[in-house]
């Protein structure tokens, strides 16, 4: 099952040509990621302020198929993929009101100890999050 996040494209998301600025797409996807964590019962304030674990994005890629403009309503369909005890990917499919795919984003995340910067096992909250949103 995927998590679906509804978003309206805002003026601040666009560039001088009036279309969504490429970096804004990553920001919108991160909003969807945070909302999916909260929807699975994770207290995101506590989760992101934990000093014992960090889950940085180590790779991101995006493909754009159609322009998005201020005022457009989009759906972001988020699907996580478990890759190992300390690593996962998230695919984001963005579709417009006509159910046309406008962009696809992939983020790769690694779990680390913030002090030593060494990999560590994913926390139980993330494992539960997978169980809820993985296909």
Protein backbone atom coordinates (compact mmCIF):
# COMPACT_ATOMS: atom_id res chain seq x y z
CA UNK A 1 0.00 0.00 0.00
CA UNK A 2 1.35 3.41 -0.86
CA UNK A 3 0.97 6.61 1.14
CA UNK A 4 -0.72 9.45 -0.75
CA UNK A 5 -0.04 13.10 0.02
CA UNK A 6 -2.13 15.88 -1.54
CA UNK A 7 -0.37 19.15 -2.31
CA UNK A 8 -1.18 22.42 -4.05
CA UNK A 9 1.71 23.94 -5.97
CA UNK A 10 2.42 27.36 -4.50
CA UNK A 11 4.00 30.43 -6.06
CA UNK A 12 7.06 29.92 -3.84
CA UNK A 13 7.59 26.51 -5.51
CA UNK A 14 8.00 28.04 -8.97
CA UNK A 15 10.85 29.65 -10.88
CA UNK A 16 10.95 32.74 -13.12
CA UNK A 17 9.33 30.75 -15.95
CA UNK A 18 6.33 29.99 -13.72
CA UNK A 19 6.94 26.25 -13.43
CA UNK A 20 8.01 24.24 -10.41
CA UNK A 21 11.69 24.77 -9.67
CA UNK A 22 13.51 21.42 -9.70
CA UNK A 23 14.70 21.68 -6.08
CA UNK A 24 11.14 22.37 -4.92
CA UNK A 25 10.14 18.90 -6.08
CA UNK A 26 12.58 17.38 -3.59
CA UNK A 27 11.18 19.59 -0.85
CA UNK A 28 7.61 18.52 -1.69
CA UNK A 29 8.68 14.88 -1.58
CA UNK A 30 10.26 15.40 1.82
CA UNK A 31 6.96 16.89 3.03
CA UNK A 32 5.25 13.69 1.88
CA UNK A 33 7.89 11.59 3.68
CA UNK A 34 7.32 13.51 6.93
CA UNK A 35 3.53 13.18 6.58
CA UNK A 36 3.84 9.43 5.99
CA UNK A 37 5.94 9.08 9.16
CA UNK A 38 3.31 10.99 11.15
CA UNK A 39 0.47 8.97 9.60
CA UNK A 40 2.13 5.77 10.78
CA UNK A 41 2.17 7.04 14.36
CA UNK A 42 5.70 8.44 14.57
CA UNK A 43 6.05 11.63 16.59
CA UNK A 44 8.12 13.50 13.99
CA UNK A 45 9.27 16.20 16.41
CA UNK A 46 10.80 13.56 18.67
CA UNK A 47 11.98 11.43 15.75
CA UNK A 48 13.93 14.20 14.02
CA UNK A 49 15.44 15.47 17.27
CA UNK A 50 16.79 12.09 18.41
CA UNK A 51 20.48 12.29 19.15
CA UNK A 52 21.06 8.53 18.81
CA UNK A 53 20.06 8.12 15.17
CA UNK A 54 20.15 10.04 11.91
CA UNK A 55 18.76 8.94 8.56
CA UNK A 56 20.26 11.25 5.94
CA UNK A 57 19.43 11.11 2.26
CA UNK A 58 22.57 9.93 0.48
CA UNK A 59 21.23 10.02 -3.07
CA UNK A 60 18.32 11.68 -4.87
CA UNK A 61 17.19 11.64 -8.48
CA UNK A 62 14.22 13.15 -10.26
CA UNK A 63 12.62 12.77 -13.66
CA UNK A 64 10.19 15.40 -14.92
CA UNK A 65 7.48 14.51 -17.46
CA UNK A 66 5.13 17.53 -17.46
CA UNK A 67 5.37 21.05 -16.07
CA UNK A 68 3.64 21.93 -12.80
CA UNK A 69 2.27 25.43 -12.28
CA UNK A 70 1.15 27.54 -9.34
CA UNK A 71 -2.32 26.39 -8.25
CA UNK A 72 -2.00 22.86 -9.64
CA UNK A 73 -3.26 20.12 -7.32
CA UNK A 74 -0.97 17.10 -7.26
CA UNK A 75 -0.87 13.76 -5.51
CA UNK A 76 2.43 12.38 -4.28
CA UNK A 77 2.34 8.59 -4.05
CA UNK A 78 5.12 7.46 -1.71
CA UNK A 79 6.39 3.87 -1.67
CA UNK A 80 9.28 2.83 0.59
CA UNK A 81 11.54 -0.11 -0.27
CA UNK A 82 13.55 -1.93 2.38
CA UNK A 83 17.12 -2.46 1.15
CA UNK A 84 18.81 -3.83 4.29
CA UNK A 85 19.14 -3.37 8.04
CA UNK A 86 20.55 0.15 7.64
CA UNK A 87 19.33 1.34 4.24
CA UNK A 88 16.09 2.06 2.37
CA UNK A 89 14.77 3.81 -0.73
CA UNK A 90 11.63 5.83 -1.24
CA UNK A 91 9.96 6.28 -4.63
CA UNK A 92 7.65 9.24 -5.13
CA UNK A 93 5.25 9.29 -8.07
CA UNK A 94 3.70 12.72 -8.62
CA UNK A 95 0.45 12.87 -10.57
CA UNK A 96 -1.75 15.79 -11.60
CA UNK A 97 -5.54 16.18 -11.41
CA UNK A 98 -5.83 14.36 -14.75
CA UNK A 99 -4.03 11.34 -13.25
CA UNK A 100 -1.01 12.02 -15.48
CA UNK A 101 2.44 11.37 -14.06
CA UNK A 102 4.28 14.70 -13.84
CA UNK A 103 7.44 13.60 -12.01
CA UNK A 104 9.11 10.64 -10.38
CA UNK A 105 11.64 10.99 -7.57
CA UNK A 106 13.87 8.47 -5.81
CA UNK A 107 15.63 9.07 -2.49
CA UNK A 108 18.09 6.71 -0.83
CA UNK A 109 18.48 6.86 2.95
CA UNK A 110 21.09 5.37 5.27
CA UNK A 111 20.81 5.03 9.04
CA UNK A 112 23.83 6.26 10.99
CA UNK A 113 25.01 7.09 14.47
CA UNK A 114 25.27 10.91 14.33
CA UNK A 115 28.40 11.03 16.50
CA UNK A 116 30.55 8.35 14.90
CA UNK A 117 28.94 8.66 11.44
CA UNK A 118 28.93 4.86 11.21
CA UNK A 119 26.02 2.85 9.89
CA UNK A 120 23.60 1.34 12.36
CA UNK A 121 20.41 -0.67 12.29
CA UNK A 122 17.18 1.11 11.39
CA UNK A 123 15.10 2.07 14.43
CA UNK A 124 11.93 0.13 15.20
CA UNK A 125 9.73 3.11 14.22
CA UNK A 126 11.05 2.96 10.66
CA UNK A 127 10.54 -0.82 10.52
CA UNK A 128 6.90 -0.28 11.55
CA UNK A 129 6.61 2.51 8.95
CA UNK A 130 7.76 0.04 6.26
CA UNK A 131 5.16 -2.48 7.34
CA UNK A 132 2.43 0.09 6.89
CA UNK A 133 3.44 1.62 3.54
CA UNK A 134 5.42 -1.00 1.66
CA UNK A 135 3.65 -2.70 -1.26
